[in-house]
Protein backbone atom coordinates (compact mmCIF):
# COMPACT_ATOMS: atom_id res chain seq x y z
CA MET A 1 1.43 4.83 27.06
CA LEU A 2 -1.66 3.36 25.46
CA GLN A 3 -2.67 -0.27 25.88
CA PHE A 4 -5.02 -2.09 23.55
CA THR A 5 -7.81 -3.88 25.40
CA THR A 6 -10.84 -3.75 23.13
CA LYS A 7 -11.61 -2.07 19.83
CA ALA A 8 -14.29 0.04 21.49
CA ALA A 9 -11.80 1.32 24.04
CA ALA A 10 -9.21 1.98 21.32
CA THR A 11 -11.77 3.96 19.36
CA ARG A 12 -12.68 6.06 22.39
CA SER A 13 -9.05 6.83 23.24
CA THR A 14 -7.95 7.75 19.70
CA GLY A 15 -11.07 8.95 17.91
CA LEU A 16 -10.38 6.43 15.13
CA SER A 17 -12.97 3.94 13.94
CA TYR A 18 -10.38 1.47 12.67
CA LEU A 19 -6.76 1.15 11.55
CA SER A 20 -7.20 -0.96 8.43
CA SER A 21 -10.10 -1.72 6.10
CA LEU A 22 -11.17 -4.99 4.53
CA SER A 23 -11.93 -4.82 0.77
CA ARG A 24 -13.68 -1.47 1.21
CA THR A 25 -11.82 0.78 -1.21
CA VAL A 26 -12.69 0.72 -4.90
CA LYS A 27 -9.50 -1.07 -5.93
CA HIS A 28 -9.63 -3.60 -3.10
CA LYS A 29 -13.28 -4.44 -3.65
CA LYS A 30 -12.13 -5.90 -6.97
CA SER A 31 -10.37 -8.69 -5.08
CA ILE A 32 -13.71 -10.19 -4.06
CA ALA A 33 -14.38 -11.30 -7.66
CA TYR A 34 -11.14 -13.31 -7.42
CA GLY A 35 -12.22 -15.07 -4.22
CA GLU A 36 -10.07 -12.87 -2.03
CA LEU A 37 -10.38 -10.27 0.70
CA THR A 38 -7.65 -7.62 1.03
CA LEU A 39 -6.86 -5.94 4.33
CA SER A 40 -5.37 -2.53 3.54
CA LEU A 41 -3.64 0.06 5.71
CA TYR A 42 -3.52 3.72 4.73
CA LEU A 43 -1.06 5.95 6.58
CA ALA A 44 -0.20 9.61 6.06
CA PRO A 45 2.38 9.80 3.23
CA ALA A 46 5.81 11.45 3.09
CA ARG A 47 6.35 13.53 6.26
CA SER A 48 2.80 14.85 6.56
CA SER A 49 2.49 13.26 10.00
CA GLY A 50 5.90 14.50 11.16
CA PHE A 51 7.39 11.04 10.49
CA GLU A 52 8.99 9.93 7.22
CA VAL A 53 7.17 6.93 5.74
CA CYS A 54 8.27 7.18 2.08
CA PRO A 55 12.09 7.03 2.02
CA GLY A 56 12.30 6.64 -1.77
CA ARG A 57 9.93 9.46 -2.68
CA THR A 58 10.62 12.19 -5.19
CA ALA A 59 9.31 15.76 -5.05
CA GLU A 60 6.81 14.91 -7.80
CA CYS A 61 5.33 11.82 -6.21
CA THR A 62 5.08 13.73 -2.94
CA ARG A 63 3.12 16.50 -4.62
CA LEU A 64 0.93 14.15 -6.66
CA CYS A 65 0.46 11.31 -4.17
CA LEU A 66 -2.54 9.02 -4.64
CA ASN A 67 -3.37 9.86 -1.04
CA GLU A 68 -5.34 12.73 -2.58
CA SER A 69 -7.44 10.58 -4.95
CA GLY A 70 -10.33 8.12 -4.74
CA MET A 71 -12.41 7.98 -1.56
CA ASN A 72 -10.29 10.66 0.09
CA SER A 73 -11.16 13.09 -2.68
CA MET A 74 -14.88 12.30 -2.51
CA VAL A 75 -15.07 12.56 1.28
CA ARG A 76 -12.98 15.76 1.34
CA ASN A 77 -15.39 17.49 -1.03
CA ASP A 78 -18.30 16.59 1.26
CA ARG A 79 -16.90 16.61 4.82
CA GLY A 80 -13.42 18.12 4.72
CA ASP A 81 -10.03 16.54 5.36
CA MET A 82 -11.20 13.98 7.92
CA ILE A 83 -9.50 11.05 6.15
CA ASN A 84 -6.13 12.80 6.05
CA ALA A 85 -6.51 13.70 9.74
CA ALA A 86 -7.24 10.05 10.59
CA ARG A 87 -4.23 8.86 8.58
CA ILE A 88 -1.99 11.29 10.46
CA THR A 89 -3.29 9.93 13.77
CA LYS A 90 -2.65 6.34 12.67
CA THR A 91 0.87 7.16 11.54
CA ARG A 92 1.71 8.87 14.82
CA LEU A 93 0.39 5.85 16.70
CA PHE A 94 2.63 3.61 14.63
CA PHE A 95 5.75 5.56 15.60
CA GLU A 96 4.81 6.71 19.10
CA GLU A 97 2.66 3.84 20.40
CA ARG A 98 3.99 0.85 18.46
CA ASP A 99 2.75 -1.92 20.81
CA PHE A 100 -0.74 -0.38 20.97
CA PHE A 101 -0.82 0.05 17.20
CA MET A 102 0.34 -3.52 16.57
CA ASP A 103 -2.09 -5.07 19.06
CA TRP A 104 -4.93 -3.22 17.33
CA LEU A 105 -3.71 -4.24 13.86
CA ILE A 106 -3.36 -7.87 14.97
CA PHE A 107 -6.91 -7.74 16.31
CA GLU A 108 -8.12 -6.55 12.89
CA ILE A 109 -6.08 -9.19 11.04
CA GLU A 110 -7.56 -11.95 13.20
CA SER A 111 -11.05 -10.58 12.54
CA ALA A 112 -10.32 -10.47 8.80
CA LYS A 113 -9.06 -14.06 8.88
CA ARG A 114 -12.31 -15.23 10.45
CA LYS A 115 -14.39 -13.39 7.87
CA ALA A 116 -12.33 -14.82 5.00
CA ILE A 117 -12.85 -18.32 6.36
CA ARG A 118 -16.62 -17.76 6.63
CA MET A 119 -16.70 -16.58 3.02
CA THR A 120 -14.29 -19.33 1.90
CA HIS A 121 -12.05 -16.57 0.53
CA LYS A 122 -8.31 -16.10 0.65
CA LEU A 123 -6.91 -13.20 2.70
CA SER A 124 -4.11 -10.89 1.55
CA ILE A 125 -2.68 -7.83 3.24
CA ARG A 126 -1.25 -4.60 1.87
CA LEU A 127 0.35 -2.56 4.65
CA ASN A 128 1.66 0.23 2.44
CA ASN A 129 -1.01 1.88 0.35
CA THR A 130 0.07 5.48 0.93
CA SER A 131 3.40 4.71 2.63
CA ASP A 132 6.57 2.73 1.96
CA ILE A 133 7.62 1.37 5.37
CA ASN A 134 9.73 -1.75 5.63
CA PRO A 135 7.31 -4.47 6.86
CA GLU A 136 10.01 -5.66 9.26
CA GLN A 137 9.23 -2.52 11.27
CA PHE A 138 5.76 -3.87 12.05
CA THR A 139 6.92 -5.79 15.11
CA ARG A 140 5.47 -7.17 18.32
CA ASN A 141 7.12 -9.39 20.92
CA GLY A 142 10.27 -9.84 18.86
CA LYS A 143 8.54 -10.89 15.63
CA ASN A 144 7.68 -8.90 12.56
CA ILE A 145 4.31 -9.20 10.93
CA LEU A 146 5.58 -11.35 8.05
CA GLU A 147 6.82 -13.88 10.58
CA MET A 148 3.61 -13.72 12.59
CA TYR A 149 1.44 -14.61 9.61
CA PRO A 150 3.41 -16.90 7.26
CA ASP A 151 0.14 -18.24 5.84
CA ILE A 152 -1.05 -14.81 4.64
CA GLN A 153 0.12 -13.16 1.41
CA PHE A 154 1.53 -9.65 1.92
CA TYR A 155 2.19 -7.43 -1.09
CA GLU A 156 2.98 -3.82 -1.96
CA TYR A 157 4.74 -1.35 -4.23
CA THR A 158 8.06 0.26 -3.30
CA LYS A 159 10.53 2.87 -4.50
CA VAL A 160 13.26 1.43 -2.25
CA PRO A 161 15.47 -0.95 -4.32
CA SER A 162 16.71 -2.95 -1.32
CA ARG A 163 13.15 -3.82 -0.34
CA VAL A 164 12.99 -6.50 -3.02
CA GLU A 165 15.60 -8.48 -1.08
CA LEU A 166 12.98 -9.28 1.56
CA MET A 167 11.25 -11.63 -0.86
CA GLN A 168 14.19 -14.00 -0.47
CA ARG A 169 13.64 -14.20 3.29
CA TYR A 170 9.86 -14.20 3.39
CA PRO A 171 7.95 -16.43 0.91
CA ASN A 172 4.70 -14.68 1.87
CA TYR A 173 5.96 -11.25 0.77
CA ASP A 174 5.72 -9.85 -2.75
CA VAL A 175 6.83 -6.43 -3.92
CA THR A 176 6.51 -4.49 -7.17
CA PHE A 177 9.15 -1.85 -7.82
CA SER A 178 7.97 1.61 -8.93
CA TYR A 179 9.18 3.83 -11.76
CA THR A 180 9.78 7.42 -10.59
CA GLY A 181 10.73 9.04 -13.90
CA TYR A 182 14.36 9.15 -12.79
CA ASN A 183 15.21 5.47 -12.19
CA LEU A 184 14.75 3.82 -15.60
CA ASP A 185 18.11 2.01 -15.42
CA VAL A 186 17.22 0.54 -12.01
CA CYS A 187 13.79 -0.48 -13.32
CA LYS A 188 15.39 -2.34 -16.22
CA GLN A 189 17.73 -4.11 -13.81
CA MET A 190 14.73 -5.13 -11.74
CA LEU A 191 12.89 -6.49 -14.76
CA ASP A 192 15.94 -8.40 -15.94
CA ASN A 193 16.07 -9.97 -12.47
CA ASN A 194 12.40 -11.00 -12.55
CA ILE A 195 11.08 -8.15 -10.43
CA ARG A 196 7.99 -6.56 -11.96
CA VAL A 197 7.86 -2.78 -12.27
CA ALA A 198 4.90 -0.44 -11.99
CA VAL A 199 4.70 2.50 -14.38
CA VAL A 200 2.04 5.21 -14.48
CA PHE A 201 0.78 6.06 -17.98
CA LYS A 202 -1.56 8.65 -19.36
CA ASN A 203 -2.73 5.89 -21.72
CA VAL A 204 -1.65 2.33 -20.89
CA PRO A 205 0.11 0.65 -23.88
CA GLU A 206 0.63 -3.06 -24.55
CA GLU A 207 4.43 -2.68 -24.49
CA TRP A 208 6.95 -0.16 -23.17
CA GLN A 209 10.77 -0.11 -23.41
CA GLY A 210 10.62 -3.59 -24.94
CA TYR A 211 8.70 -5.15 -22.03
CA GLN A 212 5.13 -6.44 -21.90
CA VAL A 213 2.68 -4.19 -20.10
CA VAL A 214 -0.20 -5.69 -18.10
CA ASP A 215 -3.26 -3.73 -16.96
CA GLY A 216 -2.65 -2.94 -13.31
CA ASP A 217 -6.12 -1.52 -12.77
CA LEU A 218 -7.96 -4.83 -13.28
CA TYR A 219 -7.10 -5.82 -9.71
CA ASP A 220 -4.62 -4.82 -7.02
CA MET A 221 -3.10 -8.20 -6.08
CA ARG A 222 0.20 -7.77 -7.89
CA TYR A 223 1.60 -11.10 -6.72
CA LYS A 224 -0.78 -12.74 -9.21
CA ASP A 225 1.12 -11.09 -12.10
CA ASP A 226 4.09 -12.52 -13.91
CA LYS A 227 7.46 -11.37 -12.61
CA ARG A 228 9.11 -9.88 -15.71
CA VAL A 229 6.36 -7.47 -16.73
CA ILE A 230 5.50 -3.81 -16.42
CA VAL A 231 2.34 -3.12 -14.46
CA GLY A 232 0.60 -0.30 -16.30
CA LEU A 233 -1.36 2.03 -14.06
CA LYS A 234 -3.52 4.77 -15.49
CA TYR A 235 -2.83 8.19 -13.97
CA LYS A 236 -5.37 9.05 -11.24
CA ARG A 237 -6.22 12.71 -10.92
CA VAL A 238 -5.43 14.32 -7.58
CA ARG A 239 -5.65 17.95 -6.41
CA GLU A 240 -3.12 19.11 -8.98
CA LYS A 241 -3.84 18.71 -12.70
CA LEU A 242 -1.61 16.55 -14.90
CA ASN A 243 0.89 18.42 -17.03
CA SER A 244 3.68 17.43 -19.41
CA ASN A 245 6.42 18.17 -16.87
CA ILE A 246 5.53 15.27 -14.56
CA LYS A 247 8.35 12.76 -15.08
CA PHE A 248 6.81 9.68 -13.49
CA VAL A 249 3.78 9.72 -15.82
CA VAL A 250 4.56 8.34 -19.29
CA GLN A 251 2.53 10.32 -21.81
């Protein structure tokens, strides 16, 4: 059983440099212009670690996961699959060494809080960038992470309909439901109940299915958006090329 003492010791014992990153990815750097820092956690998607972290996934989103885009793609071309390997290690730590994982994550959150204060910025957290784990599973000493940090805004996307119910219990939690290509009726129900829905487009329109579409690539902090809108996300190329048979991409 691992115990978190210092970050240096945690790095030596796991080979990881960090668990989460603070406004380092391309999309999270955009938050700085809005006076905000975003702490983001990237785990290994689907069952690539041996543990299921995306309970609402479809075969298509598994095959075309954004895990294979952005920085991961650039680093892989230069130095191999080191990012995927690190994400697998992090995910296994989450399931196999939960207290160690949480103590390390709490350490990074506290560090991020101090930096945000120094910069006079707000801090937000996105735990699920390449996963879809219920945030109530991020627990330590009988409290989940939403309860530990009621003053911090948590947000994410989900394909699990029941996840939206958590917003009623935790004012600091915001979720955007995701269109899969097979759940249009559920998406419309969400919109009609003031839950925004994210849709991936080949070309982002101003309106879709009678609902306003907002540009979801301007920034990542979805909680800043109106509730009854569609968040339009432009398709990001991964290892597999886009074709007309992909249901979750509106073309």
